[in-house]
Amino acid sequence: MNTTTREESAAVNNAGLSLLRQPVPDHLVSQLPKGTKAQNECPASEKVNCNICGGWHHPKVRHLSYVGHAAATHLLLDADPYWNWEPLGYTAAGLPMFDESGGLWIRLTVCGVSRIGYGSADKKAHMDAGAREKEVIGDALRNAAIRFGLALELWSKADIHGGNEGEKWFAACLFGIRDAANIGELKARTKAAIEEARARGDQAAEDEFLIAQADKMATAKIPAAQQDTGNKRSNNTPPPPDLADEDVPF
């Protein structure tokens, strides 16, 4: 292979890898209802047909955005039609080796670059034969694909790509609630944040603001001796936790 061909090949690979760093198009993003124990066990009479995910559940259930197996495969094919994966271990029969907990380690190769991923899934009642194994593989592919940058913005509340006004208003409201100096200020900021969330039709953000208010109230009730005395008003409040693997369905 001459120098020109190598350079052209590298340019193609870089272009493919850069595609995986782009925000996922809205039509490939699905919504997973994630309710509290009380919401999940509410009477059938309290459930509604959700216009976000299409399911039946408590009206105040929050939703998590995620990329499913099929959508992730579509994005990988856009980046590299020849992408492939392989398990890190094989059984004596030549089949992928699952670990003692039923999980699977894989190597995902895209545009000539390989990265490791791990998949797992709970065993549910009444699953079809092989359904759990397929779920584990799908989870492993997404776990490895995120190492290439696929759907990072869905796994974190942080503004991964920058310039995302939807994330910026949320982060600003959340920080304002957490940084309130007194009860009056806390209530006022929470009310304003909730009004903004409702105007945007963002139920998940509204729930996050209520949780942040409750957390702030609970912290305020902790005896001063048990609180951090470094700063009365910290400007280093951590962001909400990123999505965990178990939050994302097959």
Protein backbone atom coordinates (compact mmCIF):
# COMPACT_ATOMS: atom_id res chain seq x y z
CA MET A 1 0.00 0.00 0.00
CA ASN A 2 1.54 3.32 -1.06
CA THR A 3 1.61 6.43 1.11
CA THR A 4 -1.33 8.10 -0.67
CA THR A 5 -3.53 5.04 -0.21
CA ARG A 6 -2.64 4.80 3.48
CA GLU A 7 -3.48 8.46 4.00
CA GLU A 8 -6.80 8.09 2.20
CA SER A 9 -7.65 5.02 4.27
CA ALA A 10 -6.80 6.85 7.51
CA ALA A 11 -8.99 9.79 6.45
CA VAL A 12 -11.93 7.46 5.80
CA ASN A 13 -11.48 5.77 9.19
CA ASN A 14 -11.24 9.09 11.00
CA ALA A 15 -14.38 10.31 9.27
CA GLY A 16 -16.23 7.15 10.33
CA LEU A 17 -15.09 7.41 13.93
CA SER A 18 -16.06 11.09 14.06
CA LEU A 19 -19.63 10.12 13.07
CA LEU A 20 -19.95 8.18 16.33
CA ARG A 21 -19.14 11.35 18.27
CA GLN A 22 -22.10 13.24 16.82
CA PRO A 23 -25.36 13.67 18.78
CA VAL A 24 -27.81 10.86 18.08
CA PRO A 25 -30.70 11.98 15.82
CA ASP A 26 -33.98 12.32 17.70
CA HIS A 27 -35.73 9.64 15.66
CA LEU A 28 -33.21 7.04 16.88
CA VAL A 29 -33.67 7.91 20.56
CA SER A 30 -36.20 5.89 22.58
CA GLN A 31 -37.76 6.68 25.96
CA LEU A 32 -37.70 4.31 28.92
CA PRO A 33 -40.20 4.94 31.75
CA LYS A 34 -38.36 4.79 35.10
CA GLY A 35 -40.75 5.04 38.03
CA THR A 36 -40.30 4.85 41.77
CA LYS A 37 -41.43 1.71 43.61
CA ALA A 38 -44.67 3.45 44.60
CA GLN A 39 -45.31 4.60 41.04
CA ASN A 40 -44.63 1.17 39.58
CA GLU A 41 -47.00 -0.47 42.09
CA CYS A 42 -49.78 2.10 41.78
CA PRO A 43 -53.36 0.85 41.14
CA ALA A 44 -54.31 0.27 37.51
CA SER A 45 -56.89 3.07 37.82
CA GLU A 46 -54.05 5.61 38.30
CA LYS A 47 -52.16 4.60 35.17
CA VAL A 48 -52.43 6.55 31.93
CA ASN A 49 -51.49 5.93 28.32
CA CYS A 50 -48.20 7.85 28.04
CA ASN A 51 -47.78 10.11 25.00
CA ILE A 52 -44.00 9.95 25.43
CA CYS A 53 -43.27 6.21 25.39
CA GLY A 54 -46.67 4.78 24.49
CA GLY A 55 -46.85 2.62 27.63
CA TRP A 56 -49.28 2.53 30.53
CA HIS A 57 -47.88 3.79 33.82
CA HIS A 58 -48.21 6.38 36.59
CA PRO A 59 -48.53 9.89 35.07
CA LYS A 60 -45.51 11.29 36.94
CA VAL A 61 -43.03 8.59 35.97
CA ARG A 62 -39.79 10.09 34.61
CA HIS A 63 -38.31 8.92 31.30
CA LEU A 64 -34.73 8.12 30.39
CA SER A 65 -33.51 8.60 26.84
CA TYR A 66 -31.58 5.68 25.39
CA VAL A 67 -30.39 4.13 22.14
CA GLY A 68 -31.61 0.58 21.57
CA HIS A 69 -29.76 -2.33 19.98
CA ALA A 70 -31.18 -1.75 16.48
CA ALA A 71 -30.47 2.00 16.55
CA ALA A 72 -26.92 1.42 17.82
CA THR A 73 -26.36 -1.09 15.00
CA HIS A 74 -27.65 1.46 12.47
CA LEU A 75 -25.20 4.10 13.74
CA LEU A 76 -22.28 1.66 13.72
CA LEU A 77 -23.07 0.70 10.12
CA ASP A 78 -23.10 4.39 9.15
CA ALA A 79 -19.62 4.75 10.64
CA ASP A 80 -18.23 1.50 9.25
CA PRO A 81 -20.18 -1.05 7.15
CA TYR A 82 -17.56 -3.66 8.10
CA TRP A 83 -17.64 -3.22 11.88
CA ASN A 84 -17.62 -6.41 13.92
CA TRP A 85 -17.49 -7.76 17.44
CA GLU A 86 -16.11 -10.89 19.06
CA PRO A 87 -16.19 -12.34 22.57
CA LEU A 88 -12.98 -12.18 24.58
CA GLY A 89 -13.35 -15.85 25.50
CA TYR A 90 -14.75 -19.02 23.96
CA THR A 91 -16.07 -22.25 25.42
CA ALA A 92 -14.66 -25.65 24.45
CA ALA A 93 -17.51 -25.86 21.92
CA GLY A 94 -16.37 -22.63 20.30
CA LEU A 95 -19.27 -20.51 21.62
CA PRO A 96 -18.95 -17.12 23.36
CA MET A 97 -17.95 -17.59 27.00
CA PHE A 98 -20.28 -15.92 29.51
CA ASP A 99 -18.83 -15.27 32.97
CA GLU A 100 -20.10 -16.67 36.27
CA SER A 101 -22.73 -13.93 36.57
CA GLY A 102 -23.98 -14.45 33.02
CA GLY A 103 -22.22 -11.38 31.63
CA LEU A 104 -20.13 -11.19 28.47
CA TRP A 105 -16.88 -9.39 27.65
CA ILE A 106 -16.51 -8.41 23.99
CA ARG A 107 -14.13 -6.64 21.64
CA LEU A 108 -15.82 -4.16 19.28
CA THR A 109 -13.89 -3.10 16.17
CA VAL A 110 -14.92 -0.01 14.20
CA CYS A 111 -12.81 1.57 11.45
CA GLY A 112 -9.88 -0.61 12.41
CA VAL A 113 -9.97 0.44 16.08
CA SER A 114 -10.88 -2.08 18.80
CA ARG A 115 -12.30 -1.35 22.24
CA ILE A 116 -13.57 -3.56 25.06
CA GLY A 117 -17.12 -3.67 26.39
CA TYR A 118 -19.15 -5.67 28.90
CA GLY A 119 -22.79 -6.66 28.85
CA SER A 120 -25.14 -8.05 31.48
CA ALA A 121 -28.86 -8.56 31.98
CA ASP A 122 -31.15 -9.92 34.67
CA LYS A 123 -32.97 -13.16 34.01
CA LYS A 124 -36.69 -12.43 33.89
CA ALA A 125 -39.59 -14.82 34.19
CA HIS A 126 -41.16 -16.19 31.02
CA MET A 127 -38.27 -15.22 28.73
CA ASP A 128 -37.99 -17.01 25.39
CA ALA A 129 -35.02 -19.31 24.88
CA GLY A 130 -31.95 -17.22 24.05
CA ALA A 131 -33.68 -13.90 24.84
CA ARG A 132 -31.41 -13.14 27.79
CA GLU A 133 -28.27 -13.93 25.78
CA LYS A 134 -29.37 -11.54 23.02
CA GLU A 135 -30.05 -8.86 25.63
CA VAL A 136 -26.56 -9.33 27.08
CA ILE A 137 -24.99 -9.01 23.62
CA GLY A 138 -26.97 -5.84 22.91
CA ASP A 139 -25.88 -4.39 26.24
CA ALA A 140 -22.24 -5.28 25.56
CA LEU A 141 -22.34 -3.65 22.12
CA ARG A 142 -23.70 -0.40 23.53
CA ASN A 143 -21.21 -0.51 26.40
CA ALA A 144 -18.32 -0.89 23.95
CA ALA A 145 -19.77 1.64 21.50
CA ILE A 146 -19.86 4.35 24.15
CA ARG A 147 -16.04 4.04 24.29
CA PHE A 148 -16.14 5.36 20.73
CA GLY A 149 -18.41 8.22 21.81
CA LEU A 150 -21.75 6.78 20.71
CA ALA A 151 -24.68 8.49 22.51
CA LEU A 152 -22.53 10.08 25.21
CA GLU A 153 -25.02 12.92 25.55
CA LEU A 154 -27.71 10.43 26.59
CA TRP A 155 -25.57 8.82 29.29
CA SER A 156 -24.71 12.06 31.06
CA LYS A 157 -26.51 15.19 32.23
CA ALA A 158 -23.40 17.16 31.32
CA ASP A 159 -23.41 19.21 28.11
CA ILE A 160 -21.16 16.79 26.20
CA HIS A 161 -21.27 18.49 22.80
CA GLY A 162 -21.55 22.11 23.90
CA GLY A 163 -24.03 24.63 22.64
CA ASN A 164 -26.95 22.46 23.74
CA GLU A 165 -29.43 25.01 25.02
CA GLY A 166 -31.74 22.26 26.31
CA GLU A 167 -29.05 20.99 28.64
CA LYS A 168 -27.84 24.48 29.61
CA TRP A 169 -31.20 25.70 30.94
CA PHE A 170 -31.62 22.46 32.90
CA ALA A 171 -28.15 22.70 34.43
CA ALA A 172 -28.63 26.37 35.30
CA CYS A 173 -31.97 25.72 37.04
CA LEU A 174 -30.61 22.70 38.91
CA PHE A 175 -27.55 24.60 40.12
CA GLY A 176 -29.74 27.50 41.25
CA ILE A 177 -31.87 25.17 43.39
CA ARG A 178 -28.85 23.47 44.94
CA ASP A 179 -27.14 26.80 45.62
CA ALA A 180 -30.13 28.54 47.26
CA ALA A 181 -29.10 30.41 50.41
CA ASN A 182 -32.37 30.09 52.34
CA ILE A 183 -35.81 28.46 52.27
CA GLY A 184 -37.49 31.40 50.55
CA GLU A 185 -34.90 31.49 47.82
CA LEU A 186 -35.08 27.70 47.45
CA LYS A 187 -38.86 27.73 46.98
CA ALA A 188 -38.74 30.63 44.54
CA ARG A 189 -36.02 29.04 42.41
CA THR A 190 -37.74 25.66 42.42
CA LYS A 191 -41.05 27.22 41.41
CA ALA A 192 -39.41 29.12 38.54
CA ALA A 193 -37.58 25.98 37.39
CA ILE A 194 -40.76 23.90 37.43
CA GLU A 195 -42.65 26.56 35.46
CA GLU A 196 -39.89 26.53 32.86
CA ALA A 197 -39.96 22.71 32.71
CA ARG A 198 -43.74 22.70 32.24
CA ALA A 199 -43.49 25.32 29.50
CA ARG A 200 -41.02 23.02 27.74
CA GLY A 201 -43.14 19.93 28.41
CA ASP A 202 -40.22 18.29 30.22
CA GLN A 203 -41.66 16.06 32.95
CA ALA A 204 -38.28 14.48 33.73
CA ALA A 205 -36.73 17.89 34.43
CA GLU A 206 -39.68 18.84 36.66
CA ASP A 207 -39.15 15.68 38.71
CA GLU A 208 -35.41 16.36 38.98
CA PHE A 209 -36.10 19.86 40.32
CA LEU A 210 -38.48 18.53 42.98
CA ILE A 211 -35.91 15.93 44.01
CA ALA A 212 -33.20 18.61 44.19
CA GLN A 213 -35.45 20.74 46.40
CA ALA A 214 -36.13 17.79 48.72
CA ASP A 215 -32.42 17.00 48.92
CA LYS A 216 -31.61 20.62 49.74
CA MET A 217 -34.26 20.69 52.47
CA ALA A 218 -32.96 17.42 53.94
CA THR A 219 -29.38 18.72 53.94
CA ALA A 220 -30.47 21.91 55.71
CA LYS A 221 -31.85 19.83 58.58
CA ILE A 222 -28.51 18.10 59.24
CA PRO A 223 -26.84 19.48 62.39
CA ALA A 224 -24.14 22.00 61.56
CA ALA A 225 -21.44 19.83 63.15
CA GLN A 226 -22.17 17.11 60.58
CA GLN A 227 -22.07 19.42 57.58
CA ASP A 228 -19.06 20.48 55.54
CA THR A 229 -17.80 23.68 57.17
CA GLY A 230 -15.49 24.60 54.30
CA ASN A 231 -18.00 26.79 52.47
CA LYS A 232 -21.52 27.74 53.47
CA ARG A 233 -22.48 27.94 49.81
CA SER A 234 -20.51 25.57 47.64
CA ASN A 235 -19.96 26.34 43.99
CA ASN A 236 -18.70 22.80 43.40
CA THR A 237 -22.00 20.95 43.62
CA PRO A 238 -21.62 17.77 41.55
CA PRO A 239 -23.97 17.15 38.62
CA PRO A 240 -26.68 14.48 38.86
CA PRO A 241 -25.38 10.94 38.34
CA ASP A 242 -24.88 9.61 34.84
CA LEU A 243 -27.04 6.76 33.60
CA ALA A 244 -25.91 3.34 34.77
CA ASP A 245 -25.78 0.38 32.38
CA GLU A 246 -28.72 -1.25 34.13
CA ASP A 247 -30.90 1.79 33.33
CA VAL A 248 -30.78 1.07 29.61
CA PRO A 249 -32.98 -1.71 28.18
CA PHE A 250 -32.29 -4.04 25.26
